[in-house]
Amino acid sequence: LIEIASALRKQPQLEELYLGYNNIGRDGCVALGSMLNGLRSLNLYNLDLEHNVIDDEGLCALVAGLKNCHNLMSLSLSGNELI
């Protein structure tokens, strides 16, 4: 996911991101959170991270990056039984 997060930095116009069922776990959440935190004008309004083995630490890293997602309307975390 680190490569995907890096590529997403070049796509601030992205509105929807579906990464469900990809087993991104803690490391993926850290990478995604870092990428989101580095963007200042993001149009993301839907983020789907269902069934990705996300734990509490991964969620904290993700939430830190979501502070710049002012347009976010939907965040799906269902199926992540560790949170």
PDB file of N, CA and C in Angstrom:
ATOM      1  N   LEU A   1       0.822  -1.207   0.000  1.00  0.00           N
ATOM      2  CA  LEU A   1       0.000   0.000   0.000  1.00  0.00           C
ATOM      3  C   LEU A   1       0.855   1.255   0.000  1.00  0.00           C
ATOM      4  N   ILE A   2       2.105   1.156   0.391  1.00  0.00           N
ATOM      5  CA  ILE A   2       2.975   2.327   0.416  1.00  0.00           C
ATOM      6  C   ILE A   2       3.102   2.911  -0.985  1.00  0.00           C
ATOM      7  N   GLU A   3       3.228   2.046  -1.996  1.00  0.00           N
ATOM      8  CA  GLU A   3       3.326   2.513  -3.385  1.00  0.00           C
ATOM      9  C   GLU A   3       2.022   3.179  -3.824  1.00  0.00           C
ATOM     10  N   ILE A   4       0.906   2.610  -3.423  1.00  0.00           N
ATOM     11  CA  ILE A   4      -0.394   3.193  -3.771  1.00  0.00           C
ATOM     12  C   ILE A   4      -0.556   4.545  -3.092  1.00  0.00           C
ATOM     13  N   ALA A   5      -0.198   4.625  -1.821  1.00  0.00           N
ATOM     14  CA  ALA A   5      -0.310   5.896  -1.098  1.00  0.00           C
ATOM     15  C   ALA A   5       0.549   6.964  -1.756  1.00  0.00           C
ATOM     16  N   SER A   6       1.738   6.593  -2.209  1.00  0.00           N
ATOM     17  CA  SER A   6       2.603   7.560  -2.897  1.00  0.00           C
ATOM     18  C   SER A   6       1.973   8.027  -4.203  1.00  0.00           C
ATOM     19  N   ALA A   7       1.383   7.117  -4.943  1.00  0.00           N
ATOM     20  CA  ALA A   7       0.732   7.475  -6.209  1.00  0.00           C
ATOM     21  C   ALA A   7      -0.480   8.367  -5.958  1.00  0.00           C
ATOM     22  N   LEU A   8      -1.185   8.142  -4.866  1.00  0.00           N
ATOM     23  CA  LEU A   8      -2.374   8.936  -4.565  1.00  0.00           C
ATOM     24  C   LEU A   8      -2.036  10.389  -4.269  1.00  0.00           C
ATOM     25  N   ARG A   9      -0.822  10.647  -3.837  1.00  0.00           N
ATOM     26  CA  ARG A   9      -0.403  12.041  -3.595  1.00  0.00           C
ATOM     27  C   ARG A   9      -0.531  12.871  -4.867  1.00  0.00           C
ATOM     28  N   LYS A  10      -0.434  12.222  -6.010  1.00  0.00           N
ATOM     29  CA  LYS A  10      -0.500  12.917  -7.298  1.00  0.00           C
ATOM     30  C   LYS A  10      -1.925  13.011  -7.821  1.00  0.00           C
ATOM     31  N   GLN A  11      -2.897  12.557  -7.031  1.00  0.00           N
ATOM     32  CA  GLN A  11      -4.294  12.530  -7.456  1.00  0.00           C
ATOM     33  C   GLN A  11      -5.205  13.245  -6.456  1.00  0.00           C
ATOM     34  N   PRO A  12      -4.986  14.525  -6.180  1.00  0.00           N
ATOM     35  CA  PRO A  12      -5.819  15.212  -5.182  1.00  0.00           C
ATOM     36  C   PRO A  12      -7.284  15.337  -5.607  1.00  0.00           C
ATOM     37  N   GLN A  13      -7.583  15.112  -6.873  1.00  0.00           N
ATOM     38  CA  GLN A  13      -8.962  15.201  -7.344  1.00  0.00           C
ATOM     39  C   GLN A  13      -9.751  13.929  -7.042  1.00  0.00           C
ATOM     40  N   LEU A  14      -9.101  12.909  -6.503  1.00  0.00           N
ATOM     41  CA  LEU A  14      -9.745  11.641  -6.179  1.00  0.00           C
ATOM     42  C   LEU A  14     -10.926  11.864  -5.230  1.00  0.00           C
ATOM     43  N   GLU A  15     -12.075  11.309  -5.582  1.00  0.00           N
ATOM     44  CA  GLU A  15     -13.281  11.479  -4.769  1.00  0.00           C
ATOM     45  C   GLU A  15     -13.659  10.223  -4.005  1.00  0.00           C
ATOM     46  N   GLU A  16     -13.367   9.063  -4.552  1.00  0.00           N
ATOM     47  CA  GLU A  16     -13.732   7.809  -3.909  1.00  0.00           C
ATOM     48  C   GLU A  16     -12.540   6.860  -3.935  1.00  0.00           C
ATOM     49  N   LEU A  17     -12.344   6.159  -2.822  1.00  0.00           N
ATOM     50  CA  LEU A  17     -11.252   5.195  -2.738  1.00  0.00           C
ATOM     51  C   LEU A  17     -11.779   3.934  -2.058  1.00  0.00           C
ATOM     52  N   TYR A  18     -11.798   2.852  -2.805  1.00  0.00           N
ATOM     53  CA  TYR A  18     -12.273   1.569  -2.309  1.00  0.00           C
ATOM     54  C   TYR A  18     -11.082   0.632  -2.151  1.00  0.00           C
ATOM     55  N   LEU A  19     -10.747   0.314  -0.916  1.00  0.00           N
ATOM     56  CA  LEU A  19      -9.646  -0.594  -0.625  1.00  0.00           C
ATOM     57  C   LEU A  19     -10.103  -1.767   0.237  1.00  0.00           C
ATOM     58  N   GLY A  20     -11.386  -2.044   0.219  1.00  0.00           N
ATOM     59  CA  GLY A  20     -11.926  -3.138   1.011  1.00  0.00           C
ATOM     60  C   GLY A  20     -11.331  -4.480   0.618  1.00  0.00           C
ATOM     61  N   TYR A  21     -11.206  -5.365   1.612  1.00  0.00           N
ATOM     62  CA  TYR A  21     -10.740  -6.739   1.420  1.00  0.00           C
ATOM     63  C   TYR A  21      -9.323  -6.806   0.849  1.00  0.00           C
ATOM     64  N   ASN A  22      -8.444  -5.920   1.280  1.00  0.00           N
ATOM     65  CA  ASN A  22      -7.070  -5.919   0.786  1.00  0.00           C
ATOM     66  C   ASN A  22      -6.034  -6.219   1.860  1.00  0.00           C
ATOM     67  N   ASN A  23      -6.480  -6.519   3.077  1.00  0.00           N
ATOM     68  CA  ASN A  23      -5.563  -6.900   4.149  1.00  0.00           C
ATOM     69  C   ASN A  23      -4.464  -5.857   4.364  1.00  0.00           C
ATOM     70  N   ILE A  24      -4.840  -4.574   4.380  1.00  0.00           N
ATOM     71  CA  ILE A  24      -3.828  -3.526   4.498  1.00  0.00           C
ATOM     72  C   ILE A  24      -3.261  -3.424   5.911  1.00  0.00           C
ATOM     73  N   GLY A  25      -4.028  -3.791   6.911  1.00  0.00           N
ATOM     74  CA  GLY A  25      -3.539  -3.829   8.280  1.00  0.00           C
ATOM     75  C   GLY A  25      -2.991  -2.505   8.795  1.00  0.00           C
ATOM     76  N   ARG A  26      -2.195  -2.609   9.851  1.00  0.00           N
ATOM     77  CA  ARG A  26      -1.633  -1.432  10.515  1.00  0.00           C
ATOM     78  C   ARG A  26      -0.701  -0.658   9.597  1.00  0.00           C
ATOM     79  N   ASP A  27       0.214  -1.348   8.934  1.00  0.00           N
ATOM     80  CA  ASP A  27       1.184  -0.653   8.084  1.00  0.00           C
ATOM     81  C   ASP A  27       0.512   0.111   6.949  1.00  0.00           C
ATOM     82  N   GLY A  28      -0.519  -0.481   6.379  1.00  0.00           N
ATOM     83  CA  GLY A  28      -1.248   0.203   5.313  1.00  0.00           C
ATOM     84  C   GLY A  28      -1.962   1.438   5.821  1.00  0.00           C
ATOM     85  N   CYS A  29      -2.515   1.358   7.012  1.00  0.00           N
ATOM     86  CA  CYS A  29      -3.187   2.517   7.606  1.00  0.00           C
ATOM     87  C   CYS A  29      -2.194   3.628   7.910  1.00  0.00           C
ATOM     88  N   VAL A  30      -1.012   3.256   8.375  1.00  0.00           N
ATOM     89  CA  VAL A  30       0.025   4.259   8.640  1.00  0.00           C
ATOM     90  C   VAL A  30       0.408   4.955   7.329  1.00  0.00           C
ATOM     91  N   ALA A  31       0.608   4.196   6.259  1.00  0.00           N
ATOM     92  CA  ALA A  31       0.966   4.776   4.967  1.00  0.00           C
ATOM     93  C   ALA A  31      -0.153   5.652   4.424  1.00  0.00           C
ATOM     94  N   LEU A  32      -1.380   5.177   4.510  1.00  0.00           N
ATOM     95  CA  LEU A  32      -2.521   5.937   4.019  1.00  0.00           C
ATOM     96  C   LEU A  32      -2.731   7.207   4.844  1.00  0.00           C
ATOM     97  N   GLY A  33      -2.635   7.091   6.154  1.00  0.00           N
ATOM     98  CA  GLY A  33      -2.776   8.254   7.029  1.00  0.00           C
ATOM     99  C   GLY A  33      -1.715   9.297   6.756  1.00  0.00           C
ATOM    100  N   SER A  34      -0.501   8.857   6.539  1.00  0.00           N
ATOM    101  CA  SER A  34       0.594   9.774   6.225  1.00  0.00           C
ATOM    102  C   SER A  34       0.350  10.488   4.903  1.00  0.00           C
ATOM    103  N   MET A  35      -0.115   9.744   3.912  1.00  0.00           N
ATOM    104  CA  MET A  35      -0.413  10.344   2.611  1.00  0.00           C
ATOM    105  C   MET A  35      -1.523  11.366   2.739  1.00  0.00           C
ATOM    106  N   LEU A  36      -2.589  11.014   3.433  1.00  0.00           N
ATOM    107  CA  LEU A  36      -3.717  11.932   3.596  1.00  0.00           C
ATOM    108  C   LEU A  36      -3.306  13.180   4.375  1.00  0.00           C
ATOM    109  N   ASN A  37      -2.459  13.008   5.352  1.00  0.00           N
ATOM    110  CA  ASN A  37      -1.986  14.131   6.154  1.00  0.00           C
ATOM    111  C   ASN A  37      -1.149  15.097   5.326  1.00  0.00           C
ATOM    112  N   GLY A  38      -0.477  14.589   4.302  1.00  0.00           N
ATOM    113  CA  GLY A  38       0.383  15.428   3.470  1.00  0.00           C
ATOM    114  C   GLY A  38      -0.353  16.218   2.406  1.00  0.00           C
ATOM    115  N   LEU A  39      -1.623  15.922   2.211  1.00  0.00           N
ATOM    116  CA  LEU A  39      -2.404  16.629   1.193  1.00  0.00           C
ATOM    117  C   LEU A  39      -3.218  17.741   1.834  1.00  0.00           C
ATOM    118  N   ARG A  40      -3.239  18.888   1.210  1.00  0.00           N
ATOM    119  CA  ARG A  40      -3.975  20.029   1.766  1.00  0.00           C
ATOM    120  C   ARG A  40      -5.298  20.279   1.051  1.00  0.00           C
ATOM    121  N   SER A  41      -5.394  19.912  -0.199  1.00  0.00           N
ATOM    122  CA  SER A  41      -6.650  20.124  -0.928  1.00  0.00           C
ATOM    123  C   SER A  41      -7.098  18.790  -1.501  1.00  0.00           C
ATOM    124  N   LEU A  42      -7.825  18.058  -0.707  1.00  0.00           N
ATOM    125  CA  LEU A  42      -8.254  16.724  -1.082  1.00  0.00           C
ATOM    126  C   LEU A  42      -9.768  16.708  -1.263  1.00  0.00           C
ATOM    127  N   ASN A  43     -10.228  16.072  -2.329  1.00  0.00           N
ATOM    128  CA  ASN A  43     -11.654  16.007  -2.625  1.00  0.00           C
ATOM    129  C   ASN A  43     -12.293  14.687  -2.212  1.00  0.00           C
ATOM    130  N   LEU A  44     -11.596  13.868  -1.461  1.00  0.00           N
ATOM    131  CA  LEU A  44     -12.086  12.551  -1.080  1.00  0.00           C
ATOM    132  C   LEU A  44     -13.370  12.656  -0.261  1.00  0.00           C
ATOM    133  N   TYR A  45     -14.419  11.993  -0.733  1.00  0.00           N
ATOM    134  CA  TYR A  45     -15.665  12.004   0.018  1.00  0.00           C
ATOM    135  C   TYR A  45     -16.126  10.613   0.426  1.00  0.00           C
ATOM    136  N   ASN A  46     -15.491   9.555  -0.104  1.00  0.00           N
ATOM    137  CA  ASN A  46     -15.870   8.196   0.270  1.00  0.00           C
ATOM    138  C   ASN A  46     -14.604   7.348   0.399  1.00  0.00           C
ATOM    139  N   LEU A  47     -14.396   6.766   1.570  1.00  0.00           N
ATOM    140  CA  LEU A  47     -13.245   5.902   1.825  1.00  0.00           C
ATOM    141  C   LEU A  47     -13.744   4.588   2.394  1.00  0.00           C
ATOM    142  N   ASP A  48     -13.501   3.505   1.672  1.00  0.00           N
ATOM    143  CA  ASP A  48     -13.960   2.179   2.062  1.00  0.00           C
ATOM    144  C   ASP A  48     -12.756   1.315   2.423  1.00  0.00           C
ATOM    145  N   LEU A  49     -12.676   0.947   3.706  1.00  0.00           N
ATOM    146  CA  LEU A  49     -11.583   0.109   4.200  1.00  0.00           C
ATOM    147  C   LEU A  49     -12.135  -1.138   4.910  1.00  0.00           C
ATOM    148  N   GLU A  50     -13.222  -1.676   4.405  1.00  0.00           N
ATOM    149  CA  GLU A  50     -13.855  -2.845   5.013  1.00  0.00           C
ATOM    150  C   GLU A  50     -12.930  -4.063   4.979  1.00  0.00           C
ATOM    151  N   HIS A  51     -12.993  -4.852   6.036  1.00  0.00           N
ATOM    152  CA  HIS A  51     -12.309  -6.148   6.110  1.00  0.00           C
ATOM    153  C   HIS A  51     -10.824  -6.053   5.735  1.00  0.00           C
ATOM    154  N   ASN A  52     -10.089  -5.264   6.500  1.00  0.00           N
ATOM    155  CA  ASN A  52      -8.668  -5.063   6.217  1.00  0.00           C
ATOM    156  C   ASN A  52      -7.750  -5.349   7.402  1.00  0.00           C
ATOM    157  N   VAL A  53      -8.227  -6.022   8.416  1.00  0.00           N
ATOM    158  CA  VAL A  53      -7.421  -6.384   9.592  1.00  0.00           C
ATOM    159  C   VAL A  53      -6.791  -5.136  10.218  1.00  0.00           C
ATOM    160  N   ILE A  54      -7.568  -4.075  10.291  1.00  0.00           N
ATOM    161  CA  ILE A  54      -7.105  -2.824  10.898  1.00  0.00           C
ATOM    162  C   ILE A  54      -7.243  -2.941  12.408  1.00  0.00           C
ATOM    163  N   ASP A  55      -6.187  -2.543  13.126  1.00  0.00           N
ATOM    164  CA  ASP A  55      -6.235  -2.562  14.586  1.00  0.00           C
ATOM    165  C   ASP A  55      -6.292  -1.128  15.122  1.00  0.00           C
ATOM    166  N   ASP A  56      -6.290  -0.987  16.440  1.00  0.00           N
ATOM    167  CA  ASP A  56      -6.410   0.334  17.063  1.00  0.00           C
ATOM    168  C   ASP A  56      -5.289   1.286  16.654  1.00  0.00           C
ATOM    169  N   GLU A  57      -4.056   0.782  16.611  1.00  0.00           N
ATOM    170  CA  GLU A  57      -2.934   1.645  16.233  1.00  0.00           C
ATOM    171  C   GLU A  57      -3.045   2.100  14.778  1.00  0.00           C
ATOM    172  N   GLY A  58      -3.452   1.196  13.913  1.00  0.00           N
ATOM    173  CA  GLY A  58      -3.644   1.564  12.516  1.00  0.00           C
ATOM    174  C   GLY A  58      -4.739   2.602  12.355  1.00  0.00           C
ATOM    175  N   LEU A  59      -5.813   2.421  13.117  1.00  0.00           N
ATOM    176  CA  LEU A  59      -6.921   3.375  13.057  1.00  0.00           C
ATOM    177  C   LEU A  59      -6.482   4.755  13.530  1.00  0.00           C
ATOM    178  N   CYS A  60      -5.681   4.810  14.589  1.00  0.00           N
ATOM    179  CA  CYS A  60      -5.182   6.103  15.088  1.00  0.00           C
ATOM    180  C   CYS A  60      -4.345   6.808  14.031  1.00  0.00           C
ATOM    181  N   ALA A  61      -3.507   6.054  13.329  1.00  0.00           N
ATOM    182  CA  ALA A  61      -2.679   6.639  12.268  1.00  0.00           C
ATOM    183  C   ALA A  61      -3.550   7.146  11.125  1.00  0.00           C
ATOM    184  N   LEU A  62      -4.575   6.400  10.797  1.00  0.00           N
ATOM    185  CA  LEU A  62      -5.492   6.811   9.733  1.00  0.00           C
ATOM    186  C   LEU A  62      -6.245   8.070  10.118  1.00  0.00           C
ATOM    187  N   VAL A  63      -6.770   8.113  11.330  1.00  0.00           N
ATOM    188  CA  VAL A  63      -7.544   9.269  11.795  1.00  0.00           C
ATOM    189  C   VAL A  63      -6.693  10.537  11.782  1.00  0.00           C
ATOM    190  N   ALA A  64      -5.421  10.416  12.117  1.00  0.00           N
ATOM    191  CA  ALA A  64      -4.531  11.583  12.088  1.00  0.00           C
ATOM    192  C   ALA A  64      -4.473  12.176  10.684  1.00  0.00           C
ATOM    193  N   GLY A  65      -4.524  11.337   9.674  1.00  0.00           N
ATOM    194  CA  GLY A  65      -4.499  11.826   8.295  1.00  0.00           C
ATOM    195  C   GLY A  65      -5.833  12.340   7.807  1.00  0.00           C
ATOM    196  N   LEU A  66      -6.903  11.876   8.402  1.00  0.00           N
ATOM    197  CA  LEU A  66      -8.233  12.284   7.955  1.00  0.00           C
ATOM    198  C   LEU A  66      -8.590  13.717   8.323  1.00  0.00           C
ATOM    199  N   LYS A  67      -7.796  14.369   9.139  1.00  0.00           N
ATOM    200  CA  LYS A  67      -8.124  15.735   9.550  1.00  0.00           C
ATOM    201  C   LYS A  67      -8.164  16.701   8.367  1.00  0.00           C
ATOM    202  N   ASN A  68      -7.516  16.350   7.268  1.00  0.00           N
ATOM    203  CA  ASN A  68      -7.535  17.198   6.074  1.00  0.00           C
ATOM    204  C   ASN A  68      -8.644  16.815   5.097  1.00  0.00           C
ATOM    205  N   CYS A  69      -9.405  15.814   5.414  1.00  0.00           N
ATOM    206  CA  CYS A  69     -10.465  15.342   4.516  1.00  0.00           C
ATOM    207  C   CYS A  69     -11.780  16.027   4.866  1.00  0.00           C
ATOM    208  N   HIS A  70     -11.852  17.291   4.587  1.00  0.00           N
ATOM    209  CA  HIS A  70     -13.032  18.087   4.947  1.00  0.00           C
ATOM    210  C   HIS A  70     -14.281  17.693   4.172  1.00  0.00           C
ATOM    211  N   ASN A  71     -14.098  17.044   3.025  1.00  0.00           N
ATOM    212  CA  ASN A  71     -15.247  16.635   2.210  1.00  0.00           C
ATOM    213  C   ASN A  71     -15.699  15.211   2.499  1.00  0.00           C
ATOM    214  N   LEU A  72     -14.993  14.495   3.367  1.00  0.00           N
ATOM    215  CA  LEU A  72     -15.310  13.096   3.630  1.00  0.00           C
ATOM    216  C   LEU A  72     -16.726  12.961   4.202  1.00  0.00           C
ATOM    217  N   MET A  73     -17.530  12.172   3.515  1.00  0.00           N
ATOM    218  CA  MET A  73     -18.909  11.949   3.939  1.00  0.00           C
ATOM    219  C   MET A  73     -19.126  10.516   4.401  1.00  0.00           C
ATOM    220  N   SER A  74     -18.289   9.594   3.947  1.00  0.00           N
ATOM    221  CA  SER A  74     -18.490   8.189   4.263  1.00  0.00           C
ATOM    222  C   SER A  74     -17.146   7.505   4.507  1.00  0.00           C
ATOM    223  N   LEU A  75     -17.045   6.855   5.655  1.00  0.00           N
ATOM    224  CA  LEU A  75     -15.873   6.059   6.007  1.00  0.00           C
ATOM    225  C   LEU A  75     -16.378   4.698   6.446  1.00  0.00           C
ATOM    226  N   SER A  76     -16.034   3.668   5.703  1.00  0.00           N
ATOM    227  CA  SER A  76     -16.509   2.323   6.011  1.00  0.00           C
ATOM    228  C   SER A  76     -15.365   1.496   6.593  1.00  0.00           C
ATOM    229  N   LEU A  77     -15.562   1.044   7.830  1.00  0.00           N
ATOM    230  CA  LEU A  77     -14.565   0.236   8.531  1.00  0.00           C
ATOM    231  C   LEU A  77     -15.150  -1.096   9.001  1.00  0.00           C
ATOM    232  N   SER A  78     -16.289  -1.481   8.484  1.00  0.00           N
ATOM    233  CA  SER A  78     -16.919  -2.715   8.951  1.00  0.00           C
ATOM    234  C   SER A  78     -16.032  -3.928   8.650  1.00  0.00           C
ATOM    235  N   GLY A  79     -16.150  -4.921   9.491  1.00  0.00           N
ATOM    236  CA  GLY A  79     -15.398  -6.146   9.296  1.00  0.00           C
ATOM    237  C   GLY A  79     -13.978  -6.107   9.825  1.00  0.00           C
ATOM    238  N   ASN A  80     -13.574  -5.003  10.403  1.00  0.00           N
ATOM    239  CA  ASN A  80     -12.262  -4.898  11.026  1.00  0.00           C
ATOM    240  C   ASN A  80     -12.441  -5.227  12.497  1.00  0.00           C
ATOM    241  N   GLU A  81     -12.390  -6.492  12.830  1.00  0.00           N
ATOM    242  CA  GLU A  81     -12.776  -6.968  14.151  1.00  0.00           C
ATOM    243  C   GLU A  81     -11.783  -6.616  15.241  1.00  0.00           C
ATOM    244  N   LEU A  82     -10.623  -6.057  14.898  1.00  0.00           N
ATOM    245  CA  LEU A  82      -9.637  -5.688  15.898  1.00  0.00           C
ATOM    246  C   LEU A  82      -9.861  -4.286  16.458  1.00  0.00           C
ATOM    247  N   ILE A  83     -10.818  -3.553  15.894  1.00  0.00           N
ATOM    248  CA  ILE A  83     -11.112  -2.203  16.403  1.00  0.00           C
ATOM    249  C   ILE A  83     -12.504  -2.181  17.004  1.00  0.00           C
TER     250      ILE A  83
END
